[in-house]
Amino acid sequence: MMFDSTMFINGLLVVAILWFVYKQLVPVKGVKDITTSELKTQLNQKDKQFIDVRTPNEYKRNHLKEFKNIPLYELKQRANELSKDQEVVLICQSGMRSRKASQSLKKLGFTHITNVKGGMSAW
């Protein structure tokens, strides 16, 4: 049987796509996911830091007043504005950017992180 490089490359492509989808859907270890219904019960809690990681324009158009805007692309540089001792609740438009933000904060040593599933779209 001859080695078929096209089939091999196609197989690698399928594996890469499946890995990407897996990484997007599997919860980040050590990060709690909550629904928007659960979020509603937590918005008045002063011991939490509510961060919206959408762009400033998205934030201006529609946001929850309890959330401070720190865009995802600025989060690493501005992480010092957040306390590692308090829970950080993250939201974006769909839940994908806040998921990436969760991963970034984990790498920076934050331990109390919550991601809002579905983001503002689910609100």
PDB file of N, CA and C in Angstrom:
ATOM      1  N   MET A   1       0.845  -1.183   0.000  1.00  0.00           N
ATOM      2  CA  MET A   1       0.000   0.000   0.000  1.00  0.00           C
ATOM      3  C   MET A   1       0.883   1.236   0.000  1.00  0.00           C
ATOM      4  N   MET A   2       0.563   2.178  -0.867  1.00  0.00           N
ATOM      5  CA  MET A   2       1.351   3.399  -0.986  1.00  0.00           C
ATOM      6  C   MET A   2       0.866   4.470  -0.012  1.00  0.00           C
ATOM      7  N   PHE A   3       1.790   5.299   0.410  1.00  0.00           N
ATOM      8  CA  PHE A   3       1.484   6.412   1.307  1.00  0.00           C
ATOM      9  C   PHE A   3       0.802   7.511   0.496  1.00  0.00           C
ATOM     10  N   ASP A   4      -0.363   7.923   0.924  1.00  0.00           N
ATOM     11  CA  ASP A   4      -1.108   8.964   0.235  1.00  0.00           C
ATOM     12  C   ASP A   4      -1.007  10.257   1.051  1.00  0.00           C
ATOM     13  N   SER A   5      -0.182  11.183   0.569  1.00  0.00           N
ATOM     14  CA  SER A   5       0.056  12.423   1.323  1.00  0.00           C
ATOM     15  C   SER A   5      -1.198  13.292   1.413  1.00  0.00           C
ATOM     16  N   THR A   6      -2.064  13.240   0.419  1.00  0.00           N
ATOM     17  CA  THR A   6      -3.284  14.035   0.454  1.00  0.00           C
ATOM     18  C   THR A   6      -4.196  13.568   1.586  1.00  0.00           C
ATOM     19  N   MET A   7      -4.339  12.250   1.726  1.00  0.00           N
ATOM     20  CA  MET A   7      -5.168  11.720   2.810  1.00  0.00           C
ATOM     21  C   MET A   7      -4.560  12.066   4.170  1.00  0.00           C
ATOM     22  N   PHE A   8      -3.254  12.008   4.265  1.00  0.00           N
ATOM     23  CA  PHE A   8      -2.565  12.333   5.517  1.00  0.00           C
ATOM     24  C   PHE A   8      -2.805  13.797   5.900  1.00  0.00           C
ATOM     25  N   ILE A   9      -2.655  14.692   4.936  1.00  0.00           N
ATOM     26  CA  ILE A   9      -2.852  16.128   5.184  1.00  0.00           C
ATOM     27  C   ILE A   9      -4.318  16.394   5.560  1.00  0.00           C
ATOM     28  N   ASN A  10      -5.250  15.759   4.851  1.00  0.00           N
ATOM     29  CA  ASN A  10      -6.660  15.916   5.181  1.00  0.00           C
ATOM     30  C   ASN A  10      -6.960  15.407   6.593  1.00  0.00           C
ATOM     31  N   GLY A  11      -6.342  14.298   6.954  1.00  0.00           N
ATOM     32  CA  GLY A  11      -6.507  13.756   8.308  1.00  0.00           C
ATOM     33  C   GLY A  11      -5.986  14.718   9.360  1.00  0.00           C
ATOM     34  N   LEU A  12      -4.825  15.304   9.100  1.00  0.00           N
ATOM     35  CA  LEU A  12      -4.263  16.286  10.028  1.00  0.00           C
ATOM     36  C   LEU A  12      -5.170  17.505  10.155  1.00  0.00           C
ATOM     37  N   LEU A  13      -5.732  17.929   9.055  1.00  0.00           N
ATOM     38  CA  LEU A  13      -6.636  19.075   9.055  1.00  0.00           C
ATOM     39  C   LEU A  13      -7.880  18.786   9.903  1.00  0.00           C
ATOM     40  N   VAL A  14      -8.436  17.604   9.760  1.00  0.00           N
ATOM     41  CA  VAL A  14      -9.609  17.210  10.554  1.00  0.00           C
ATOM     42  C   VAL A  14      -9.251  17.199  12.038  1.00  0.00           C
ATOM     43  N   VAL A  15      -8.100  16.638  12.384  1.00  0.00           N
ATOM     44  CA  VAL A  15      -7.665  16.592  13.781  1.00  0.00           C
ATOM     45  C   VAL A  15      -7.488  18.009  14.328  1.00  0.00           C
ATOM     46  N   ALA A  16      -6.888  18.902  13.532  1.00  0.00           N
ATOM     47  CA  ALA A  16      -6.680  20.288  13.970  1.00  0.00           C
ATOM     48  C   ALA A  16      -8.021  20.991  14.204  1.00  0.00           C
ATOM     49  N   ILE A  17      -8.971  20.791  13.319  1.00  0.00           N
ATOM     50  CA  ILE A  17     -10.296  21.414  13.468  1.00  0.00           C
ATOM     51  C   ILE A  17     -11.004  20.870  14.703  1.00  0.00           C
ATOM     52  N   LEU A  18     -10.949  19.555  14.907  1.00  0.00           N
ATOM     53  CA  LEU A  18     -11.582  18.957  16.084  1.00  0.00           C
ATOM     54  C   LEU A  18     -10.939  19.469  17.374  1.00  0.00           C
ATOM     55  N   TRP A  19      -9.619  19.619  17.377  1.00  0.00           N
ATOM     56  CA  TRP A  19      -8.917  20.138  18.556  1.00  0.00           C
ATOM     57  C   TRP A  19      -9.357  21.583  18.842  1.00  0.00           C
ATOM     58  N   PHE A  20      -9.457  22.387  17.805  1.00  0.00           N
ATOM     59  CA  PHE A  20      -9.895  23.777  17.964  1.00  0.00           C
ATOM     60  C   PHE A  20     -11.305  23.831  18.558  1.00  0.00           C
ATOM     61  N   VAL A  21     -12.230  23.051  18.020  1.00  0.00           N
ATOM     62  CA  VAL A  21     -13.610  23.019  18.507  1.00  0.00           C
ATOM     63  C   VAL A  21     -13.637  22.543  19.961  1.00  0.00           C
ATOM     64  N   TYR A  22     -12.871  21.507  20.263  1.00  0.00           N
ATOM     65  CA  TYR A  22     -12.779  20.984  21.629  1.00  0.00           C
ATOM     66  C   TYR A  22     -12.313  22.074  22.593  1.00  0.00           C
ATOM     67  N   LYS A  23     -11.264  22.798  22.234  1.00  0.00           N
ATOM     68  CA  LYS A  23     -10.717  23.851  23.105  1.00  0.00           C
ATOM     69  C   LYS A  23     -11.714  24.983  23.315  1.00  0.00           C
ATOM     70  N   GLN A  24     -12.588  25.229  22.341  1.00  0.00           N
ATOM     71  CA  GLN A  24     -13.580  26.298  22.459  1.00  0.00           C
ATOM     72  C   GLN A  24     -14.765  25.893  23.334  1.00  0.00           C
ATOM     73  N   LEU A  25     -15.078  24.607  23.377  1.00  0.00           N
ATOM     74  CA  LEU A  25     -16.292  24.157  24.054  1.00  0.00           C
ATOM     75  C   LEU A  25     -16.069  23.589  25.451  1.00  0.00           C
ATOM     76  N   VAL A  26     -14.904  23.027  25.705  1.00  0.00           N
ATOM     77  CA  VAL A  26     -14.645  22.431  27.014  1.00  0.00           C
ATOM     78  C   VAL A  26     -14.372  23.537  28.025  1.00  0.00           C
ATOM     79  N   PRO A  27     -14.986  23.463  29.189  1.00  0.00           N
ATOM     80  CA  PRO A  27     -14.776  24.505  30.196  1.00  0.00           C
ATOM     81  C   PRO A  27     -13.306  24.638  30.590  1.00  0.00           C
ATOM     82  N   VAL A  28     -12.912  25.858  30.932  1.00  0.00           N
ATOM     83  CA  VAL A  28     -11.547  26.114  31.386  1.00  0.00           C
ATOM     84  C   VAL A  28     -11.436  25.569  32.806  1.00  0.00           C
ATOM     85  N   LYS A  29     -10.420  24.768  33.053  1.00  0.00           N
ATOM     86  CA  LYS A  29     -10.244  24.169  34.374  1.00  0.00           C
ATOM     87  C   LYS A  29     -10.094  25.255  35.431  1.00  0.00           C
ATOM     88  N   GLY A  30     -10.893  25.137  36.493  1.00  0.00           N
ATOM     89  CA  GLY A  30     -10.813  26.103  37.578  1.00  0.00           C
ATOM     90  C   GLY A  30     -11.627  27.369  37.349  1.00  0.00           C
ATOM     91  N   VAL A  31     -12.379  27.407  36.258  1.00  0.00           N
ATOM     92  CA  VAL A  31     -13.244  28.562  35.962  1.00  0.00           C
ATOM     93  C   VAL A  31     -14.693  28.097  36.053  1.00  0.00           C
ATOM     94  N   LYS A  32     -15.487  28.841  36.805  1.00  0.00           N
ATOM     95  CA  LYS A  32     -16.896  28.506  36.968  1.00  0.00           C
ATOM     96  C   LYS A  32     -17.687  29.158  35.840  1.00  0.00           C
ATOM     97  N   ASP A  33     -18.615  28.414  35.258  1.00  0.00           N
ATOM     98  CA  ASP A  33     -19.525  28.957  34.250  1.00  0.00           C
ATOM     99  C   ASP A  33     -20.879  29.183  34.907  1.00  0.00           C
ATOM    100  N   ILE A  34     -21.483  30.345  34.640  1.00  0.00           N
ATOM    101  CA  ILE A  34     -22.831  30.621  35.139  1.00  0.00           C
ATOM    102  C   ILE A  34     -23.706  31.090  33.995  1.00  0.00           C
ATOM    103  N   THR A  35     -25.002  30.958  34.185  1.00  0.00           N
ATOM    104  CA  THR A  35     -25.970  31.438  33.194  1.00  0.00           C
ATOM    105  C   THR A  35     -26.282  32.900  33.492  1.00  0.00           C
ATOM    106  N   THR A  36     -26.954  33.555  32.576  1.00  0.00           N
ATOM    107  CA  THR A  36     -27.355  34.937  32.817  1.00  0.00           C
ATOM    108  C   THR A  36     -28.378  35.013  33.949  1.00  0.00           C
ATOM    109  N   SER A  37     -29.196  33.975  34.128  1.00  0.00           N
ATOM    110  CA  SER A  37     -30.142  33.944  35.256  1.00  0.00           C
ATOM    111  C   SER A  37     -29.390  33.944  36.577  1.00  0.00           C
ATOM    112  N   GLU A  38     -28.331  33.138  36.654  1.00  0.00           N
ATOM    113  CA  GLU A  38     -27.510  33.109  37.871  1.00  0.00           C
ATOM    114  C   GLU A  38     -26.815  34.451  38.081  1.00  0.00           C
ATOM    115  N   LEU A  39     -26.377  35.069  36.984  1.00  0.00           N
ATOM    116  CA  LEU A  39     -25.713  36.369  37.076  1.00  0.00           C
ATOM    117  C   LEU A  39     -26.638  37.407  37.707  1.00  0.00           C
ATOM    118  N   LYS A  40     -27.904  37.393  37.314  1.00  0.00           N
ATOM    119  CA  LYS A  40     -28.865  38.379  37.842  1.00  0.00           C
ATOM    120  C   LYS A  40     -28.911  38.374  39.363  1.00  0.00           C
ATOM    121  N   THR A  41     -28.729  37.209  39.967  1.00  0.00           N
ATOM    122  CA  THR A  41     -28.775  37.125  41.434  1.00  0.00           C
ATOM    123  C   THR A  41     -27.477  37.599  42.082  1.00  0.00           C
ATOM    124  N   GLN A  42     -26.423  37.787  41.282  1.00  0.00           N
ATOM    125  CA  GLN A  42     -25.119  38.156  41.832  1.00  0.00           C
ATOM    126  C   GLN A  42     -24.728  39.616  41.597  1.00  0.00           C
ATOM    127  N   LEU A  43     -25.465  40.319  40.758  1.00  0.00           N
ATOM    128  CA  LEU A  43     -25.067  41.673  40.352  1.00  0.00           C
ATOM    129  C   LEU A  43     -24.940  42.673  41.498  1.00  0.00           C
ATOM    130  N   ASN A  44     -25.638  42.447  42.585  1.00  0.00           N
ATOM    131  CA  ASN A  44     -25.566  43.391  43.701  1.00  0.00           C
ATOM    132  C   ASN A  44     -24.483  43.027  44.719  1.00  0.00           C
ATOM    133  N   GLN A  45     -23.718  41.989  44.448  1.00  0.00           N
ATOM    134  CA  GLN A  45     -22.672  41.559  45.373  1.00  0.00           C
ATOM    135  C   GLN A  45     -21.421  42.419  45.199  1.00  0.00           C
ATOM    136  N   LYS A  46     -21.089  43.155  46.236  1.00  0.00           N
ATOM    137  CA  LYS A  46     -19.973  44.107  46.179  1.00  0.00           C
ATOM    138  C   LYS A  46     -18.603  43.439  46.265  1.00  0.00           C
ATOM    139  N   ASP A  47     -18.572  42.153  46.619  1.00  0.00           N
ATOM    140  CA  ASP A  47     -17.289  41.461  46.764  1.00  0.00           C
ATOM    141  C   ASP A  47     -16.817  40.826  45.454  1.00  0.00           C
ATOM    142  N   LYS A  48     -17.487  41.158  44.352  1.00  0.00           N
ATOM    143  CA  LYS A  48     -17.116  40.619  43.030  1.00  0.00           C
ATOM    144  C   LYS A  48     -16.700  41.751  42.105  1.00  0.00           C
ATOM    145  N   GLN A  49     -15.839  41.410  41.152  1.00  0.00           N
ATOM    146  CA  GLN A  49     -15.385  42.356  40.136  1.00  0.00           C
ATOM    147  C   GLN A  49     -16.039  41.936  38.822  1.00  0.00           C
ATOM    148  N   PHE A  50     -16.859  42.784  38.268  1.00  0.00           N
ATOM    149  CA  PHE A  50     -17.584  42.485  37.029  1.00  0.00           C
ATOM    150  C   PHE A  50     -16.867  43.156  35.868  1.00  0.00           C
ATOM    151  N   ILE A  51     -16.379  42.343  34.927  1.00  0.00           N
ATOM    152  CA  ILE A  51     -15.579  42.849  33.810  1.00  0.00           C
ATOM    153  C   ILE A  51     -16.197  42.432  32.477  1.00  0.00           C
ATOM    154  N   ASP A  52     -16.414  43.432  31.622  1.00  0.00           N
ATOM    155  CA  ASP A  52     -16.918  43.225  30.261  1.00  0.00           C
ATOM    156  C   ASP A  52     -15.716  43.335  29.332  1.00  0.00           C
ATOM    157  N   VAL A  53     -15.399  42.255  28.602  1.00  0.00           N
ATOM    158  CA  VAL A  53     -14.182  42.237  27.773  1.00  0.00           C
ATOM    159  C   VAL A  53     -14.443  42.571  26.305  1.00  0.00           C
ATOM    160  N   ARG A  54     -15.617  43.111  26.015  1.00  0.00           N
ATOM    161  CA  ARG A  54     -15.906  43.514  24.633  1.00  0.00           C
ATOM    162  C   ARG A  54     -15.170  44.814  24.302  1.00  0.00           C
ATOM    163  N   THR A  55     -15.230  45.199  23.046  1.00  0.00           N
ATOM    164  CA  THR A  55     -14.581  46.440  22.616  1.00  0.00           C
ATOM    165  C   THR A  55     -15.313  47.641  23.221  1.00  0.00           C
ATOM    166  N   PRO A  56     -14.646  48.784  23.330  1.00  0.00           N
ATOM    167  CA  PRO A  56     -15.323  49.973  23.869  1.00  0.00           C
ATOM    168  C   PRO A  56     -16.602  50.330  23.110  1.00  0.00           C
ATOM    169  N   ASN A  57     -16.613  50.175  21.796  1.00  0.00           N
ATOM    170  CA  ASN A  57     -17.822  50.494  21.015  1.00  0.00           C
ATOM    171  C   ASN A  57     -18.979  49.553  21.346  1.00  0.00           C
ATOM    172  N   GLU A  58     -18.688  48.269  21.471  1.00  0.00           N
ATOM    173  CA  GLU A  58     -19.728  47.311  21.851  1.00  0.00           C
ATOM    174  C   GLU A  58     -20.271  47.660  23.240  1.00  0.00           C
ATOM    175  N   TYR A  59     -19.354  47.975  24.143  1.00  0.00           N
ATOM    176  CA  TYR A  59     -19.722  48.310  25.520  1.00  0.00           C
ATOM    177  C   TYR A  59     -20.620  49.550  25.562  1.00  0.00           C
ATOM    178  N   LYS A  60     -20.254  50.581  24.775  1.00  0.00           N
ATOM    179  CA  LYS A  60     -21.042  51.828  24.751  1.00  0.00           C
ATOM    180  C   LYS A  60     -22.470  51.581  24.278  1.00  0.00           C
ATOM    181  N   ARG A  61     -22.624  50.707  23.288  1.00  0.00           N
ATOM    182  CA  ARG A  61     -23.950  50.443  22.720  1.00  0.00           C
ATOM    183  C   ARG A  61     -24.890  49.782  23.721  1.00  0.00           C
ATOM    184  N   ASN A  62     -24.347  48.884  24.531  1.00  0.00           N
ATOM    185  CA  ASN A  62     -25.196  48.132  25.464  1.00  0.00           C
ATOM    186  C   ASN A  62     -24.319  47.453  26.501  1.00  0.00           C
ATOM    187  N   HIS A  63     -24.552  47.758  27.769  1.00  0.00           N
ATOM    188  CA  HIS A  63     -23.797  47.093  28.831  1.00  0.00           C
ATOM    189  C   HIS A  63     -24.584  47.083  30.131  1.00  0.00           C
ATOM    190  N   LEU A  64     -24.140  46.256  31.022  1.00  0.00           N
ATOM    191  CA  LEU A  64     -24.725  46.200  32.365  1.00  0.00           C
ATOM    192  C   LEU A  64     -23.933  47.165  33.228  1.00  0.00           C
ATOM    193  N   LYS A  65     -24.634  48.017  33.964  1.00  0.00           N
ATOM    194  CA  LYS A  65     -23.967  49.105  34.699  1.00  0.00           C
ATOM    195  C   LYS A  65     -22.952  48.606  35.725  1.00  0.00           C
ATOM    196  N   GLU A  66     -23.112  47.384  36.213  1.00  0.00           N
ATOM    197  CA  GLU A  66     -22.183  46.839  37.210  1.00  0.00           C
ATOM    198  C   GLU A  66     -20.836  46.442  36.600  1.00  0.00           C
ATOM    199  N   PHE A  67     -20.787  46.322  35.289  1.00  0.00           N
ATOM    200  CA  PHE A  67     -19.583  45.838  34.615  1.00  0.00           C
ATOM    201  C   PHE A  67     -18.673  46.976  34.164  1.00  0.00           C
ATOM    202  N   LYS A  68     -17.397  46.819  34.450  1.00  0.00           N
ATOM    203  CA  LYS A  68     -16.349  47.738  33.996  1.00  0.00           C
ATOM    204  C   LYS A  68     -15.810  47.188  32.676  1.00  0.00           C
ATOM    205  N   ASN A  69     -15.526  48.056  31.736  1.00  0.00           N
ATOM    206  CA  ASN A  69     -15.017  47.632  30.437  1.00  0.00           C
ATOM    207  C   ASN A  69     -13.492  47.562  30.437  1.00  0.00           C
ATOM    208  N   ILE A  70     -12.983  46.342  30.283  1.00  0.00           N
ATOM    209  CA  ILE A  70     -11.558  46.116  30.020  1.00  0.00           C
ATOM    210  C   ILE A  70     -11.528  45.179  28.810  1.00  0.00           C
ATOM    211  N   PRO A  71     -11.331  45.739  27.607  1.00  0.00           N
ATOM    212  CA  PRO A  71     -11.344  44.905  26.393  1.00  0.00           C
ATOM    213  C   PRO A  71     -10.334  43.758  26.481  1.00  0.00           C
ATOM    214  N   LEU A  72     -10.679  42.635  25.881  1.00  0.00           N
ATOM    215  CA  LEU A  72      -9.817  41.453  25.911  1.00  0.00           C
ATOM    216  C   LEU A  72      -8.391  41.787  25.500  1.00  0.00           C
ATOM    217  N   TYR A  73      -8.237  42.613  24.459  1.00  0.00           N
ATOM    218  CA  TYR A  73      -6.897  42.924  23.957  1.00  0.00           C
ATOM    219  C   TYR A  73      -6.082  43.773  24.937  1.00  0.00           C
ATOM    220  N   GLU A  74      -6.708  44.325  25.973  1.00  0.00           N
ATOM    221  CA  GLU A  74      -5.997  45.110  26.988  1.00  0.00           C
ATOM    222  C   GLU A  74      -5.880  44.376  28.328  1.00  0.00           C
ATOM    223  N   LEU A  75      -6.514  43.225  28.445  1.00  0.00           N
ATOM    224  CA  LEU A  75      -6.655  42.569  29.743  1.00  0.00           C
ATOM    225  C   LEU A  75      -5.314  42.248  30.413  1.00  0.00           C
ATOM    226  N   LYS A  76      -4.374  41.683  29.679  1.00  0.00           N
ATOM    227  CA  LYS A  76      -3.082  41.326  30.293  1.00  0.00           C
ATOM    228  C   LYS A  76      -2.370  42.557  30.844  1.00  0.00           C
ATOM    229  N   GLN A  77      -2.408  43.659  30.085  1.00  0.00           N
ATOM    230  CA  GLN A  77      -1.730  44.888  30.517  1.00  0.00           C
ATOM    231  C   GLN A  77      -2.459  45.548  31.684  1.00  0.00           C
ATOM    232  N   ARG A  78      -3.762  45.345  31.795  1.00  0.00           N
ATOM    233  CA  ARG A  78      -4.560  46.019  32.824  1.00  0.00           C
ATOM    234  C   ARG A  78      -4.971  45.099  33.977  1.00  0.00           C
ATOM    235  N   ALA A  79      -4.451  43.890  33.996  1.00  0.00           N
ATOM    236  CA  ALA A  79      -4.821  42.926  35.037  1.00  0.00           C
ATOM    237  C   ALA A  79      -4.495  43.448  36.434  1.00  0.00           C
ATOM    238  N   ASN A  80      -3.545  44.358  36.516  1.00  0.00           N
ATOM    239  CA  ASN A  80      -3.180  44.928  37.824  1.00  0.00           C
ATOM    240  C   ASN A  80      -4.303  45.788  38.405  1.00  0.00           C
ATOM    241  N   GLU A  81      -5.319  46.113  37.612  1.00  0.00           N
ATOM    242  CA  GLU A  81      -6.480  46.861  38.101  1.00  0.00           C
ATOM    243  C   GLU A  81      -7.445  45.946  38.866  1.00  0.00           C
ATOM    244  N   LEU A  82      -7.191  44.648  38.791  1.00  0.00           N
ATOM    245  CA  LEU A  82      -8.067  43.670  39.420  1.00  0.00           C
ATOM    246  C   LEU A  82      -7.395  43.053  40.644  1.00  0.00           C
ATOM    247  N   SER A  83      -8.203  42.676  41.614  1.00  0.00           N
ATOM    248  CA  SER A  83      -7.696  42.024  42.812  1.00  0.00           C
ATOM    249  C   SER A  83      -7.754  40.507  42.639  1.00  0.00           C
ATOM    250  N   LYS A  84      -6.657  39.831  42.952  1.00  0.00           N
ATOM    251  CA  LYS A  84      -6.638  38.370  42.898  1.00  0.00           C
ATOM    252  C   LYS A  84      -7.404  37.770  44.072  1.00  0.00           C
ATOM    253  N   ASP A  85      -7.730  38.593  45.062  1.00  0.00           N
ATOM    254  CA  ASP A  85      -8.437  38.114  46.254  1.00  0.00           C
ATOM    255  C   ASP A  85      -9.954  38.071  46.065  1.00  0.00           C
ATOM    256  N   GLN A  86     -10.446  38.756  45.047  1.00  0.00           N
ATOM    257  CA  GLN A  86     -11.889  38.792  44.795  1.00  0.00           C
ATOM    258  C   GLN A  86     -12.222  38.037  43.521  1.00  0.00           C
ATOM    259  N   GLU A  87     -13.441  37.500  43.484  1.00  0.00           N
ATOM    260  CA  GLU A  87     -13.905  36.810  42.290  1.00  0.00           C
ATOM    261  C   GLU A  87     -14.031  37.791  41.131  1.00  0.00           C
ATOM    262  N   VAL A  88     -13.614  37.343  39.935  1.00  0.00           N
ATOM    263  CA  VAL A  88     -13.748  38.136  38.714  1.00  0.00           C
ATOM    264  C   VAL A  88     -14.832  37.464  37.857  1.00  0.00           C
ATOM    265  N   VAL A  89     -15.873  38.220  37.534  1.00  0.00           N
ATOM    266  CA  VAL A  89     -16.961  37.719  36.690  1.00  0.00           C
ATOM    267  C   VAL A  89     -16.793  38.363  35.319  1.00  0.00           C
ATOM    268  N   LEU A  90     -16.657  37.535  34.290  1.00  0.00           N
ATOM    269  CA  LEU A  90     -16.368  38.011  32.935  1.00  0.00           C
ATOM    270  C   LEU A  90     -17.552  37.806  32.003  1.00  0.00           C
ATOM    271  N   ILE A  91     -17.778  38.814  31.150  1.00  0.00           N
ATOM    272  CA  ILE A  91     -18.833  38.720  30.133  1.00  0.00           C
ATOM    273  C   ILE A  91     -18.319  39.318  28.831  1.00  0.00           C
ATOM    274  N   CYS A  92     -18.859  38.824  27.707  1.00  0.00           N
ATOM    275  CA  CYS A  92     -18.587  39.414  26.385  1.00  0.00           C
ATOM    276  C   CYS A  92     -19.899  39.328  25.600  1.00  0.00           C
ATOM    277  N   GLN A  93     -19.840  39.253  24.295  1.00  0.00           N
ATOM    278  CA  GLN A  93     -21.068  39.187  23.504  1.00  0.00           C
ATOM    279  C   GLN A  93     -21.658  37.776  23.501  1.00  0.00           C
ATOM    280  N   SER A  94     -20.801  36.763  23.304  1.00  0.00           N
ATOM    281  CA  SER A  94     -21.311  35.387  23.156  1.00  0.00           C
ATOM    282  C   SER A  94     -20.757  34.401  24.176  1.00  0.00           C
ATOM    283  N   GLY A  95     -19.730  34.794  24.895  1.00  0.00           N
ATOM    284  CA  GLY A  95     -19.089  33.880  25.846  1.00  0.00           C
ATOM    285  C   GLY A  95     -17.723  33.392  25.397  1.00  0.00           C
ATOM    286  N   MET A  96     -17.356  33.646  24.159  1.00  0.00           N
ATOM    287  CA  MET A  96     -16.068  33.167  23.634  1.00  0.00           C
ATOM    288  C   MET A  96     -14.900  34.029  24.106  1.00  0.00           C
ATOM    289  N   ARG A  97     -15.022  35.333  23.993  1.00  0.00           N
ATOM    290  CA  ARG A  97     -13.921  36.207  24.430  1.00  0.00           C
ATOM    291  C   ARG A  97     -13.759  36.162  25.943  1.00  0.00           C
ATOM    292  N   SER A  98     -14.873  36.079  26.664  1.00  0.00           N
ATOM    293  CA  SER A  98     -14.757  36.004  28.122  1.00  0.00           C
ATOM    294  C   SER A  98     -14.105  34.684  28.526  1.00  0.00           C
ATOM    295  N   ARG A  99     -14.292  33.663  27.742  1.00  0.00           N
ATOM    296  CA  ARG A  99     -13.618  32.370  27.951  1.00  0.00           C
ATOM    297  C   ARG A  99     -12.111  32.517  27.770  1.00  0.00           C
ATOM    298  N   LYS A 100     -11.720  33.217  26.711  1.00  0.00           N
ATOM    299  CA  LYS A 100     -10.286  33.481  26.488  1.00  0.00           C
ATOM    300  C   LYS A 100      -9.733  34.339  27.618  1.00  0.00           C
ATOM    301  N   ALA A 101     -10.523  35.313  28.073  1.00  0.00           N
ATOM    302  CA  ALA A 101     -10.111  36.160  29.188  1.00  0.00           C
ATOM    303  C   ALA A 101      -9.915  35.318  30.450  1.00  0.00           C
ATOM    304  N   SER A 102     -10.779  34.336  30.660  1.00  0.00           N
ATOM    305  CA  SER A 102     -10.652  33.428  31.802  1.00  0.00           C
ATOM    306  C   SER A 102      -9.321  32.701  31.763  1.00  0.00           C
ATOM    307  N   GLN A 103      -8.973  32.209  30.581  1.00  0.00           N
ATOM    308  CA  GLN A 103      -7.698  31.500  30.422  1.00  0.00           C
ATOM    309  C   GLN A 103      -6.527  32.427  30.722  1.00  0.00           C
ATOM    310  N   SER A 104      -6.592  33.661  30.225  1.00  0.00           N
ATOM    311  CA  SER A 104      -5.518  34.629  30.459  1.00  0.00           C
ATOM    312  C   SER A 104      -5.362  34.925  31.944  1.00  0.00           C
ATOM    313  N   LEU A 105      -6.482  35.156  32.623  1.00  0.00           N
ATOM    314  CA  LEU A 105      -6.415  35.462  34.056  1.00  0.00           C
ATOM    315  C   LEU A 105      -5.900  34.268  34.858  1.00  0.00           C
ATOM    316  N   LYS A 106      -6.281  33.048  34.466  1.00  0.00           N
ATOM    317  CA  LYS A 106      -5.757  31.842  35.128  1.00  0.00           C
ATOM    318  C   LYS A 106      -4.237  31.824  35.044  1.00  0.00           C
ATOM    319  N   LYS A 107      -3.715  32.094  33.853  1.00  0.00           N
ATOM    320  CA  LYS A 107      -2.261  32.092  33.646  1.00  0.00           C
ATOM    321  C   LYS A 107      -1.575  33.175  34.467  1.00  0.00           C
ATOM    322  N   LEU A 108      -2.298  34.252  34.773  1.00  0.00           N
ATOM    323  CA  LEU A 108      -1.742  35.357  35.557  1.00  0.00           C
ATOM    324  C   LEU A 108      -1.897  35.126  37.067  1.00  0.00           C
ATOM    325  N   GLY A 109      -2.460  33.987  37.447  1.00  0.00           N
ATOM    326  CA  GLY A 109      -2.547  33.647  38.867  1.00  0.00           C
ATOM    327  C   GLY A 109      -3.867  33.941  39.553  1.00  0.00           C
ATOM    328  N   PHE A 110      -4.876  34.338  38.804  1.00  0.00           N
ATOM    329  CA  PHE A 110      -6.195  34.547  39.397  1.00  0.00           C
ATOM    330  C   PHE A 110      -6.830  33.181  39.654  1.00  0.00           C
ATOM    331  N   THR A 111      -7.510  33.049  40.771  1.00  0.00           N
ATOM    332  CA  THR A 111      -8.082  31.741  41.123  1.00  0.00           C
ATOM    333  C   THR A 111      -9.601  31.742  41.225  1.00  0.00           C
ATOM    334  N   HIS A 112     -10.232  32.884  41.391  1.00  0.00           N
ATOM    335  CA  HIS A 112     -11.690  32.973  41.512  1.00  0.00           C
ATOM    336  C   HIS A 112     -12.241  33.653  40.264  1.00  0.00           C
ATOM    337  N   ILE A 113     -12.529  32.848  39.239  1.00  0.00           N
ATOM    338  CA  ILE A 113     -12.958  33.381  37.942  1.00  0.00           C
ATOM    339  C   ILE A 113     -14.279  32.738  37.547  1.00  0.00           C
ATOM    340  N   THR A 114     -15.201  33.569  37.076  1.00  0.00           N
ATOM    341  CA  THR A 114     -16.505  33.085  36.610  1.00  0.00           C
ATOM    342  C   THR A 114     -16.767  33.642  35.216  1.00  0.00           C
ATOM    343  N   ASN A 115     -17.207  32.779  34.324  1.00  0.00           N
ATOM    344  CA  ASN A 115     -17.530  33.163  32.952  1.00  0.00           C
ATOM    345  C   ASN A 115     -19.044  33.085  32.758  1.00  0.00           C
ATOM    346  N   VAL A 116     -19.623  34.133  32.146  1.00  0.00           N
ATOM    347  CA  VAL A 116     -21.058  34.150  31.880  1.00  0.00           C
ATOM    348  C   VAL A 116     -21.307  33.479  30.533  1.00  0.00           C
ATOM    349  N   LYS A 117     -21.940  32.292  30.582  1.00  0.00           N
ATOM    350  CA  LYS A 117     -22.232  31.530  29.358  1.00  0.00           C
ATOM    351  C   LYS A 117     -23.217  32.300  28.484  1.00  0.00           C
ATOM    352  N   GLY A 118     -22.917  32.381  27.211  1.00  0.00           N
ATOM    353  CA  GLY A 118     -23.829  33.032  26.265  1.00  0.00           C
ATOM    354  C   GLY A 118     -23.690  34.545  26.212  1.00  0.00           C
ATOM    355  N   GLY A 119     -22.999  35.124  27.198  1.00  0.00           N
ATOM    356  CA  GLY A 119     -22.708  36.557  27.217  1.00  0.00           C
ATOM    357  C   GLY A 119     -23.929  37.440  27.088  1.00  0.00           C
ATOM    358  N   MET A 120     -23.697  38.633  26.546  1.00  0.00           N
ATOM    359  CA  MET A 120     -24.771  39.617  26.386  1.00  0.00           C
ATOM    360  C   MET A 120     -25.861  39.114  25.439  1.00  0.00           C
ATOM    361  N   SER A 121     -25.502  38.233  24.517  1.00  0.00           N
ATOM    362  CA  SER A 121     -26.513  37.668  23.600  1.00  0.00           C
ATOM    363  C   SER A 121     -27.568  36.885  24.356  1.00  0.00           C
ATOM    364  N   ALA A 122     -27.168  36.273  25.477  1.00  0.00           N
ATOM    365  CA  ALA A 122     -28.115  35.488  26.277  1.00  0.00           C
ATOM    366  C   ALA A 122     -28.864  36.378  27.275  1.00  0.00           C
ATOM    367  N   TRP A 123     -28.389  37.606  27.464  1.00  0.00           N
ATOM    368  CA  TRP A 123     -29.004  38.510  28.432  1.00  0.00           C
ATOM    369  C   TRP A 123     -30.358  38.928  27.918  1.00  0.00           C
TER     370      TRP A 123
END
